[in-house]
Protein backbone atom coordinates (compact mmCIF):
# COMPACT_ATOMS: atom_id res chain seq x y z
CA MET A 1 28.89 11.82 -35.99
CA SER A 2 27.04 8.52 -36.31
CA ALA A 3 27.22 5.63 -33.89
CA ALA A 4 28.91 2.42 -35.00
CA ARG A 5 26.50 0.02 -36.67
CA PRO A 6 26.10 -3.20 -34.64
CA ALA A 7 27.54 -6.26 -36.35
CA ALA A 8 25.68 -9.55 -36.68
CA LEU A 9 26.49 -12.05 -33.95
CA GLY A 10 29.44 -14.23 -35.00
CA ASN A 11 30.53 -12.08 -37.95
CA THR A 12 34.28 -11.86 -38.48
CA ARG A 13 36.77 -9.53 -40.09
CA ASN A 14 40.54 -9.36 -40.52
CA CYS A 15 42.73 -7.40 -38.15
CA PRO A 16 44.41 -4.64 -40.19
CA HIS A 17 47.59 -5.05 -38.13
CA CYS A 18 48.28 -8.80 -38.05
CA LYS A 19 45.66 -10.09 -40.55
CA SER A 20 44.20 -12.57 -37.99
CA THR A 21 40.51 -13.38 -38.25
CA VAL A 22 38.72 -11.72 -35.31
CA LEU A 23 35.12 -11.19 -34.26
CA ALA A 24 33.61 -8.10 -35.89
CA SER A 25 32.47 -6.97 -32.43
CA ALA A 26 36.03 -6.96 -31.04
CA SER A 27 37.55 -3.61 -30.17
CA ILE A 28 40.99 -5.17 -29.45
CA CYS A 29 42.61 -7.92 -31.53
CA PRO A 30 43.15 -11.02 -29.34
CA ALA A 31 46.22 -11.99 -31.41
CA CYS A 32 48.27 -8.79 -31.60
CA GLN A 33 46.49 -6.74 -28.89
CA HIS A 34 46.14 -3.67 -31.18
CA HIS A 35 43.05 -1.50 -30.93
CA LEU A 36 40.57 -2.07 -33.75
CA ARG A 37 37.94 0.52 -32.82
CA PHE A 38 38.25 3.66 -30.76
CA ASN A 39 34.65 4.87 -31.03
CA VAL A 40 33.18 2.35 -28.58
CA PRO A 41 32.64 3.23 -24.93
CA THR A 42 34.70 1.38 -22.34
CA ALA A 43 33.11 -2.01 -21.89
CA PRO A 44 31.94 -3.13 -18.46
CA ALA A 45 33.63 -6.23 -17.02
CA ALA A 46 30.76 -8.54 -18.10
CA GLN A 47 31.25 -7.56 -21.75
CA THR A 48 35.00 -8.10 -21.79
CA GLY A 49 34.53 -11.82 -21.31
CA TYR A 50 36.28 -14.47 -19.29
CA ALA A 51 38.56 -17.44 -19.82
CA ALA A 52 36.26 -20.49 -19.92
CA LEU A 53 39.22 -22.80 -20.60
CA GLN A 54 42.90 -22.28 -19.94
CA VAL A 55 45.55 -24.95 -20.44
CA GLU A 56 49.29 -24.45 -19.97
CA GLY A 57 52.09 -26.94 -20.35
CA THR A 58 55.78 -27.41 -21.00
CA VAL A 59 57.42 -29.88 -23.37
CA ARG A 60 60.98 -31.18 -23.50
CA HIS A 61 62.55 -33.63 -25.90
CA LYS A 62 63.24 -37.05 -24.34
CA GLU A 63 66.60 -37.53 -26.07
CA PRO A 64 69.27 -35.18 -24.67
CA ASP A 65 71.62 -35.44 -27.68
CA GLU A 66 69.42 -34.91 -30.76
CA PRO A 67 67.09 -32.12 -31.98
CA CYS A 68 63.35 -32.69 -32.34
CA GLU A 69 60.73 -30.94 -34.49
CA PHE A 70 57.30 -30.00 -33.18
CA CYS A 71 53.96 -29.01 -34.70
CA VAL A 72 51.12 -27.35 -32.75
CA VAL A 73 47.65 -28.20 -34.10
CA LEU A 74 44.43 -26.57 -32.89
CA SER A 75 41.16 -28.35 -33.62
CA ILE A 76 37.61 -27.13 -32.88
CA ALA A 77 34.62 -29.48 -32.95
CA ASP A 78 30.91 -28.96 -32.27
CA GLU A 79 28.81 -30.81 -29.68
CA HIS A 80 28.39 -33.77 -32.07
CA GLY A 81 32.13 -34.18 -32.63
CA LYS A 82 32.01 -32.72 -36.14
CA GLN A 83 35.22 -30.84 -36.87
CA ILE A 84 34.61 -27.14 -37.52
CA SER A 85 38.20 -25.98 -37.86
CA ARG A 86 41.70 -27.46 -37.79
CA GLN A 87 44.81 -25.31 -38.09
CA VAL A 88 48.53 -25.61 -37.61
CA VAL A 89 49.30 -22.66 -35.33
CA GLY A 90 53.03 -23.15 -34.92
CA VAL A 91 55.99 -25.30 -35.86
CA GLY A 92 59.58 -25.35 -34.75
CA VAL A 93 62.50 -27.34 -33.48
CA LEU A 94 63.71 -28.18 -29.99
CA GLN A 95 67.45 -28.45 -29.62
CA PRO A 96 68.80 -30.78 -26.93
CA GLU A 97 68.07 -29.42 -23.45
CA GLU A 98 65.59 -26.80 -24.79
CA MET A 99 61.96 -26.57 -23.75
CA ARG A 100 58.84 -24.76 -24.96
CA ARG A 101 55.91 -23.53 -22.90
CA PHE A 102 52.47 -23.57 -24.51
CA SER A 103 49.30 -21.83 -23.38
CA VAL A 104 45.81 -22.18 -24.85
CA SER A 105 42.79 -20.20 -23.70
CA VAL A 106 39.19 -19.98 -24.84
CA ASN A 107 37.58 -16.66 -23.94
CA LEU A 108 33.80 -16.32 -23.89
CA LEU A 109 32.34 -12.91 -24.64
CA PRO A 110 28.75 -12.60 -23.34
CA VAL A 111 26.44 -10.49 -25.51
CA ARG A 112 23.61 -8.54 -23.95
CA ALA A 113 20.18 -8.87 -25.59
CA GLY A 114 19.79 -6.24 -28.29
CA GLN A 115 23.53 -5.49 -28.39
CA LEU A 116 24.11 -7.44 -31.61
CA LYS A 117 21.64 -8.73 -34.15
CA PRO A 118 21.61 -12.52 -34.77
CA VAL A 119 22.98 -13.99 -38.02
């Protein structure tokens, strides 16, 4: 039995369950929470990462007698403000008196030296 070959840092692949783009190093899909690899040893706490940013909020429509559509857009930019990615992650409608709760988190996954080869 051979050990899993280390992936290059930042490489991605598609989750076979939900088809989301995930890091090649991930053993669990962050979108659908399915296991992607079973042949990796249990990761210590430092390798599982941490939430570097977490934002939660609730929205309600201002008009109590008419429906309202919504569109959730996620944008990622580099340190110079150059847009790297922009995606619509959800759309829907709020009926009068309805609300929606949104949560966004950015998880950082530290990589130990020698664990993955650079791109």
